[in-house]
C-alpha atoms as a PDB file:
ATOM      1  CA  MET A   1     -97.038-113.381  79.436  1.00  0.00           C
ATOM      2  CA  SER A   2     -94.430-113.829  76.399  1.00  0.00           C
ATOM      3  CA  THR A   3     -94.539-112.152  73.330  1.00  0.00           C
ATOM      4  CA  LEU A   4     -94.480-113.183  70.057  1.00  0.00           C
ATOM      5  CA  ARG A   5     -92.601-112.103  66.930  1.00  0.00           C
ATOM      6  CA  PRO A   6     -94.390-108.733  65.809  1.00  0.00           C
ATOM      7  CA  SER A   7     -97.143-108.941  63.220  1.00  0.00           C
ATOM      8  CA  LEU A   8     -96.240-108.037  59.392  1.00  0.00           C
ATOM      9  CA  SER A   9     -99.788-106.777  58.829  1.00  0.00           C
ATOM     10  CA  LYS A  10    -100.249-102.841  59.854  1.00  0.00           C
ATOM     11  CA  LYS A  11    -103.872-104.390  60.604  1.00  0.00           C
ATOM     12  CA  TRP A  12    -102.673-107.088  63.079  1.00  0.00           C
ATOM     13  CA  ARG A  13     -99.839-104.863  64.153  1.00  0.00           C
ATOM     14  CA  ALA A  14     -98.777-104.624  67.568  1.00  0.00           C
ATOM     15  CA  VAL A  15     -99.875-101.815  69.847  1.00  0.00           C
ATOM     16  CA  GLU A  16     -97.712 -99.534  72.000  1.00  0.00           C
ATOM     17  CA  GLY A  17     -96.255-103.425  73.032  1.00  0.00           C
ATOM     18  CA  CYS A  18     -99.439-104.361  75.260  1.00  0.00           C
ATOM     19  CA  TYR A  19    -100.644-107.049  73.203  1.00  0.00           C
ATOM     20  CA  LYS A  20    -100.375-108.547  69.987  1.00  0.00           C
ATOM     21  CA  SER A  21    -103.335-109.606  67.350  1.00  0.00           C
ATOM     22  CA  TYR A  22    -103.026-112.648  64.652  1.00  0.00           C
ATOM     23  CA  PRO A  23    -105.364-113.535  62.712  1.00  0.00           C
ATOM     24  CA  CYS A  24    -108.565-115.118  63.657  1.00  0.00           C
ATOM     25  CA  GLY A  25    -107.721-116.586  67.097  1.00  0.00           C
ATOM     26  CA  GLU A  26    -104.330-115.420  68.580  1.00  0.00           C
ATOM     27  CA  VAL A  27    -104.790-112.773  71.035  1.00  0.00           C
ATOM     28  CA  GLU A  28    -101.606-112.209  73.872  1.00  0.00           C
ATOM     29  CA  VAL A  29    -101.982-109.423  76.280  1.00  0.00           C
ATOM     30  CA  ASP A  30     -99.556-108.020  78.490  1.00  0.00           C
ATOM     31  CA  ALA A  31    -102.560-107.144  81.433  1.00  0.00           C
ATOM     32  CA  ALA A  32     -99.865-105.627  83.432  1.00  0.00           C
ATOM     33  CA  ARG A  33     -98.924-103.012  81.347  1.00  0.00           C
ATOM     34  CA  CYS A  34    -101.946-102.348  79.390  1.00  0.00           C
ATOM     35  CA  GLY A  35    -105.360-103.132  81.904  1.00  0.00           C
ATOM     36  CA  GLN A  36    -108.462-104.912  81.002  1.00  0.00           C
ATOM     37  CA  SER A  37    -109.707-102.643  78.868  1.00  0.00           C
ATOM     38  CA  LYS A  38    -106.656-103.148  76.363  1.00  0.00           C
ATOM     39  CA  TYR A  39    -107.716-106.749  76.474  1.00  0.00           C
ATOM     40  CA  ASN A  40    -111.064-106.343  75.779  1.00  0.00           C
ATOM     41  CA  GLN A  41    -110.109-104.288  72.983  1.00  0.00           C
ATOM     42  CA  SER A  42    -108.077-106.780  71.248  1.00  0.00           C
ATOM     43  CA  LEU A  43    -110.528-109.536  71.596  1.00  0.00           C
ATOM     44  CA  SER A  44    -113.013-107.464  69.983  1.00  0.00           C
ATOM     45  CA  ARG A  45    -110.787-106.534  67.221  1.00  0.00           C
ATOM     46  CA  ASN A  46    -109.878-110.089  66.848  1.00  0.00           C
ATOM     47  CA  ARG A  47    -113.335-111.431  66.728  1.00  0.00           C
ATOM     48  CA  SER A  48    -114.607-108.494  63.916  1.00  0.00           C
ATOM     49  CA  LEU A  49    -111.605-109.815  61.961  1.00  0.00           C
ATOM     50  CA  CYS A  50    -112.327-113.436  61.903  1.00  0.00           C
ATOM     51  CA  GLY A  51    -116.119-112.297  61.425  1.00  0.00           C
ATOM     52  CA  GLU A  52    -115.052-110.691  58.105  1.00  0.00           C
ATOM     53  CA  HIS A  53    -113.365-114.007  57.076  1.00  0.00           C
ATOM     54  CA  LEU A  54    -115.878-116.283  58.359  1.00  0.00           C
ATOM     55  CA  ILE A  55    -118.406-114.314  56.326  1.00  0.00           C
ATOM     56  CA  PHE A  56    -116.279-114.023  53.271  1.00  0.00           C
ATOM     57  CA  LEU A  57    -115.665-118.237  53.431  1.00  0.00           C
ATOM     58  CA  ILE A  58    -119.559-118.576  53.519  1.00  0.00           C
ATOM     59  CA  THR A  59    -120.360-116.471  50.617  1.00  0.00           C
ATOM     60  CA  ARG A  60    -117.505-118.050  48.526  1.00  0.00           C
ATOM     61  CA  GLY A  61    -119.209-121.867  49.853  1.00  0.00           C
ATOM     62  CA  VAL A  62    -122.801-120.705  48.563  1.00  0.00           C
ATOM     63  CA  ALA A  63    -121.452-119.631  45.009  1.00  0.00           C
ATOM     64  CA  ALA A  64    -119.629-122.728  44.608  1.00  0.00           C
ATOM     65  CA  MET A  65    -123.290-124.155  45.302  1.00  0.00           C
ATOM     66  CA  LYS A  66    -124.614-122.604  41.807  1.00  0.00           C
ATOM     67  CA  PRO A  67    -123.051-124.341  38.570  1.00  0.00           C
ATOM     68  CA  GLY A  68    -120.957-121.462  36.279  1.00  0.00           C
ATOM     69  CA  GLU A  69    -117.897-120.270  34.627  1.00  0.00           C
ATOM     70  CA  ILE A  70    -114.931-118.941  36.875  1.00  0.00           C
ATOM     71  CA  THR A  71    -111.164-117.865  36.600  1.00  0.00           C
ATOM     72  CA  LEU A  72    -108.590-120.210  37.661  1.00  0.00           C
ATOM     73  CA  GLY A  73    -107.638-116.708  39.862  1.00  0.00           C
ATOM     74  CA  ARG A  74    -110.731-116.628  42.045  1.00  0.00           C
ATOM     75  CA  LEU A  75    -110.602-120.332  42.528  1.00  0.00           C
ATOM     76  CA  ALA A  76    -107.004-119.735  44.304  1.00  0.00           C
ATOM     77  CA  VAL A  77    -108.415-117.516  46.696  1.00  0.00           C
ATOM     78  CA  VAL A  78    -109.225-120.005  49.492  1.00  0.00           C
ATOM     79  CA  PRO A  79    -106.429-122.537  49.334  1.00  0.00           C
ATOM     80  CA  ALA A  80    -104.220-118.982  49.336  1.00  0.00           C
ATOM     81  CA  LEU A  81    -105.834-117.874  52.101  1.00  0.00           C
ATOM     82  CA  PHE A  82    -105.783-120.993  54.377  1.00  0.00           C
ATOM     83  CA  THR A  83    -102.232-122.019  53.229  1.00  0.00           C
ATOM     84  CA  ALA A  84    -100.981-117.988  54.148  1.00  0.00           C
ATOM     85  CA  TRP A  85    -103.124-118.372  57.797  1.00  0.00           C
ATOM     86  CA  GLY A  86    -101.158-121.835  58.517  1.00  0.00           C
ATOM     87  CA  LEU A  87     -97.638-120.180  57.052  1.00  0.00           C
ATOM     88  CA  TRP A  88     -98.234-117.520  59.484  1.00  0.00           C
ATOM     89  CA  SER A  89     -99.322-119.356  62.552  1.00  0.00           C
ATOM     90  CA  ILE A  90     -96.656-122.077  62.283  1.00  0.00           C
ATOM     91  CA  SER A  91     -93.822-119.256  61.530  1.00  0.00           C
ATOM     92  CA  ALA A  92     -94.787-117.466  64.917  1.00  0.00           C
ATOM     93  CA  ARG A  93     -94.702-120.367  67.439  1.00  0.00           C
ATOM     94  CA  TYR A  94     -92.054-122.597  65.757  1.00  0.00           C
ATOM     95  CA  GLY A  95     -90.142-120.670  63.621  1.00  0.00           C
ATOM     96  CA  THR A  96     -87.500-123.074  61.912  1.00  0.00           C
ATOM     97  CA  SER A  97     -88.249-126.432  63.658  1.00  0.00           C
ATOM     98  CA  TRP A  98     -88.717-128.881  60.786  1.00  0.00           C
ATOM     99  CA  GLN A  99     -90.267-131.060  62.890  1.00  0.00           C
ATOM    100  CA  ALA A 100     -93.248-128.553  63.023  1.00  0.00           C
ATOM    101  CA  TRP A 101     -92.571-127.854  59.283  1.00  0.00           C
ATOM    102  CA  ALA A 102     -92.928-131.550  58.454  1.00  0.00           C
ATOM    103  CA  LEU A 103     -96.166-132.728  60.588  1.00  0.00           C
ATOM    104  CA  TRP A 104     -97.716-129.819  58.503  1.00  0.00           C
ATOM    105  CA  LEU A 105     -96.209-130.983  54.977  1.00  0.00           C
ATOM    106  CA  VAL A 106     -97.479-134.444  55.953  1.00  0.00           C
ATOM    107  CA  GLY A 107    -101.086-133.039  56.740  1.00  0.00           C
ATOM    108  CA  ILE A 108    -101.065-131.023  53.211  1.00  0.00           C
ATOM    109  CA  GLY A 109     -99.913-134.370  51.170  1.00  0.00           C
ATOM    110  CA  ALA A 110    -102.696-136.320  52.762  1.00  0.00           C
ATOM    111  CA  GLY A 111    -105.402-133.533  52.199  1.00  0.00           C
ATOM    112  CA  MET A 112    -104.370-132.752  48.571  1.00  0.00           C
ATOM    113  CA  GLY A 113    -105.170-136.480  48.093  1.00  0.00           C
ATOM    114  CA  ILE A 114    -108.626-135.825  49.675  1.00  0.00           C
ATOM    115  CA  GLY A 115    -109.429-132.771  47.810  1.00  0.00           C
ATOM    116  CA  TRP A 116    -108.405-134.552  44.370  1.00  0.00           C
ATOM    117  CA  MET A 117    -110.931-137.183  45.002  1.00  0.00           C
ATOM    118  CA  MET A 118    -113.851-135.348  46.113  1.00  0.00           C
ATOM    119  CA  LEU A 119    -113.513-133.504  42.674  1.00  0.00           C
ATOM    120  CA  ARG A 120    -113.374-137.135  40.654  1.00  0.00           C
ATOM    121  CA  ARG A 121    -116.928-136.547  39.643  1.00  0.00           C
ATOM    122  CA  ALA A 122    -117.236-133.026  38.903  1.00  0.00           C
ATOM    123  CA  VAL A 123    -117.794-131.980  35.286  1.00  0.00           C
ATOM    124  CA  LEU A 124    -115.306-129.458  34.428  1.00  0.00           C
ATOM    125  CA  THR A 125    -114.912-127.490  30.775  1.00  0.00           C
ATOM    126  CA  ALA A 126    -112.558-125.081  30.230  1.00  0.00           C
ATOM    127  CA  ASN A 127    -112.975-122.275  27.903  1.00  0.00           C
ATOM    128  CA  ARG A 128    -110.421-120.795  26.234  1.00  0.00           C
ATOM    129  CA  ALA A 129    -111.995-118.111  24.564  1.00  0.00           C
ATOM    130  CA  THR A 130    -113.134-116.561  27.973  1.00  0.00           C
ATOM    131  CA  GLY A 131    -110.640-118.021  30.113  1.00  0.00           C
ATOM    132  CA  LYS A 132    -112.509-119.192  32.295  1.00  0.00           C
ATOM    133  CA  LEU A 133    -113.630-122.584  33.936  1.00  0.00           C
ATOM    134  CA  TRP A 134    -117.127-123.918  33.838  1.00  0.00           C
ATOM    135  CA  ARG A 135    -117.906-126.122  37.205  1.00  0.00           C
ATOM    136  CA  SER A 136    -120.819-128.417  38.117  1.00  0.00           C
ATOM    137  CA  ALA A 137    -122.031-127.423  41.610  1.00  0.00           C
ATOM    138  CA  ASP A 138    -119.565-128.000  44.058  1.00  0.00           C
ATOM    139  CA  TYR A 139    -122.072-128.659  47.122  1.00  0.00           C
ATOM    140  CA  SER A 140    -118.768-130.021  49.291  1.00  0.00           C
ATOM    141  CA  LEU A 141    -117.104-126.616  49.777  1.00  0.00           C
ATOM    142  CA  LEU A 142    -119.694-124.823  51.822  1.00  0.00           C
ATOM    143  CA  PRO A 143    -119.734-127.406  54.784  1.00  0.00           C
ATOM    144  CA  LEU A 144    -115.856-128.024  54.547  1.00  0.00           C
ATOM    145  CA  LEU A 145    -115.178-124.372  54.717  1.00  0.00           C
ATOM    146  CA  LEU A 146    -117.212-124.072  58.001  1.00  0.00           C
ATOM    147  CA  VAL A 147    -115.831-127.151  59.492  1.00  0.00           C
ATOM    148  CA  THR A 148    -112.013-125.808  58.553  1.00  0.00           C
ATOM    149  CA  PHE A 149    -112.718-122.641  59.929  1.00  0.00           C
ATOM    150  CA  MET A 150    -113.893-123.620  63.008  1.00  0.00           C
ATOM    151  CA  VAL A 151    -111.361-126.529  63.877  1.00  0.00           C
ATOM    152  CA  LYS A 152    -108.777-124.057  62.833  1.00  0.00           C
ATOM    153  CA  TYR A 153    -110.221-121.110  65.185  1.00  0.00           C
ATOM    154  CA  GLY A 154    -110.418-123.916  68.109  1.00  0.00           C
ATOM    155  CA  PHE A 155    -106.666-124.676  67.754  1.00  0.00           C
ATOM    156  CA  GLU A 156    -105.684-120.902  67.534  1.00  0.00           C
ATOM    157  CA  SER A 157    -108.133-119.808  70.426  1.00  0.00           C
ATOM    158  CA  ALA A 158    -107.124-122.687  72.510  1.00  0.00           C
ATOM    159  CA  LEU A 159    -103.232-121.840  71.530  1.00  0.00           C
ATOM    160  CA  ALA A 160    -103.635-118.116  72.869  1.00  0.00           C
ATOM    161  CA  MET A 161    -105.252-118.782  75.999  1.00  0.00           C
ATOM    162  CA  SER A 162    -102.615-121.500  76.875  1.00  0.00           C
ATOM    163  CA  PRO A 163     -99.562-120.900  74.776  1.00  0.00           C
ATOM    164  CA  THR A 164     -97.328-123.783  76.601  1.00  0.00           C
ATOM    165  CA  LEU A 165    -100.045-126.121  74.160  1.00  0.00           C
ATOM    166  CA  ALA A 166     -97.668-125.556  71.725  1.00  0.00           C
ATOM    167  CA  GLY A 167     -95.092-127.709  73.299  1.00  0.00           C
ATOM    168  CA  ASP A 168     -97.203-130.345  73.897  1.00  0.00           C
ATOM    169  CA  VAL A 169     -96.625-133.381  71.879  1.00  0.00           C
ATOM    170  CA  GLY A 170     -99.980-134.985  70.959  1.00  0.00           C
ATOM    171  CA  PHE A 171    -101.402-131.063  70.872  1.00  0.00           C
ATOM    172  CA  ARG A 172     -99.159-130.199  68.127  1.00  0.00           C
ATOM    173  CA  ALA A 173     -99.189-133.003  66.548  1.00  0.00           C
ATOM    174  CA  ALA A 174    -102.845-132.971  66.133  1.00  0.00           C
ATOM    175  CA  TYR A 175    -102.632-129.350  65.636  1.00  0.00           C
ATOM    176  CA  LEU A 176    -100.166-129.526  62.569  1.00  0.00           C
ATOM    177  CA  LEU A 177    -101.650-132.504  61.075  1.00  0.00           C
ATOM    178  CA  LEU A 178    -105.113-131.113  60.808  1.00  0.00           C
ATOM    179  CA  SER A 179    -104.169-127.716  59.781  1.00  0.00           C
ATOM    180  CA  GLY A 180    -102.069-129.055  57.109  1.00  0.00           C
ATOM    181  CA  GLY A 181    -104.754-131.709  56.070  1.00  0.00           C
ATOM    182  CA  PHE A 182    -107.885-129.034  55.764  1.00  0.00           C
ATOM    183  CA  THR A 183    -105.478-126.896  53.929  1.00  0.00           C
ATOM    184  CA  GLY A 184    -104.126-129.969  51.484  1.00  0.00           C
ATOM    185  CA  ILE A 185    -107.943-130.540  50.763  1.00  0.00           C
ATOM    186  CA  PHE A 186    -108.422-127.124  48.701  1.00  0.00           C
ATOM    187  CA  VAL A 187    -104.664-127.298  47.470  1.00  0.00           C
ATOM    188  CA  GLY A 188    -105.492-130.356  45.852  1.00  0.00           C
ATOM    189  CA  LYS A 189    -109.009-129.083  44.835  1.00  0.00           C
ATOM    190  CA  TYR A 190    -107.463-126.382  43.325  1.00  0.00           C
ATOM    191  CA  ILE A 191    -104.811-129.094  41.554  1.00  0.00           C
ATOM    192  CA  ARG A 192    -107.758-130.621  39.783  1.00  0.00           C
ATOM    193  CA  TYR A 193    -109.278-127.513  38.501  1.00  0.00           C
ATOM    194  CA  VAL A 194    -105.744-126.557  37.423  1.00  0.00           C
ATOM    195  CA  ALA A 195    -105.287-130.189  35.946  1.00  0.00           C
ATOM    196  CA  ALA A 196    -108.926-130.002  34.026  1.00  0.00           C
ATOM    197  CA  TRP A 197    -107.284-126.592  32.469  1.00  0.00           C
ATOM    198  CA  ARG A 198    -104.188-127.864  31.122  1.00  0.00           C
ATOM    199  CA  LEU A 199    -105.501-130.922  29.823  1.00  0.00           C
ATOM    200  CA  ALA A 200    -108.062-129.201  27.404  1.00  0.00           C
ATOM    201  CA  ALA A 201    -106.546-128.865  23.643  1.00  0.00           C
ATOM    202  CA  PRO A 202    -106.881-124.702  22.736  1.00  0.00           C
ATOM    203  CA  SER A 203    -108.534-126.427  19.584  1.00  0.00           C
ATOM    204  CA  ASP A 204    -111.042-128.621  21.111  1.00  0.00           C
ATOM    205  CA  ASP A 205    -114.545-127.590  22.949  1.00  0.00           C
ATOM    206  CA  PRO A 206    -112.695-129.730  25.867  1.00  0.00           C
ATOM    207  CA  GLN A 207    -114.445-130.884  28.616  1.00  0.00           C
ATOM    208  CA  VAL A 208    -112.760-133.202  31.448  1.00  0.00           C
ATOM    209  CA  THR A 209    -115.139-135.467  33.977  1.00  0.00           C
ATOM    210  CA  GLY A 210    -114.096-137.617  36.780  1.00  0.00           C
END
């Protein structure tokens, strides 16, 4: 089986050249060198990492269902996570292919518009004294996180089991556009939060709705 580039993270580094485990869904095993036991170990570790990620995302989604104050830094975690996941996956499979990156960026652009619109009725109040942003309950985040995770995990699993799919034109377009699109939704929502903060004058008791 072909070998992907070594992981940049110790948590997912290659072990004895037998397999490379990438974040959530990407596992390659050289069965001839490592045997079934190594293959089972790689799958078990990968599933454990994915389970940790999923639990983290669920806690974020549940927390967003309650109105309250939160920092822009904490709001940036989810879009940063999905952006990093996308960068990692595309870099590992397509390298510097401008066509692949262009499709991903098109998806991100479309997703950003959707994410911005999803918060058009949100009530956002910047509290300059505490450095936090008060936001109304966001009931869309939890289902969006779950759908995004399942879609991305499904694509990554399919590519791990059949690496040749990366070269299929239709599959590649769907993978890159959807991956970028879902990532863009979270980026767009975050930009909406940042815009609400920036529009608030320090001397006011600002509230931005829409």
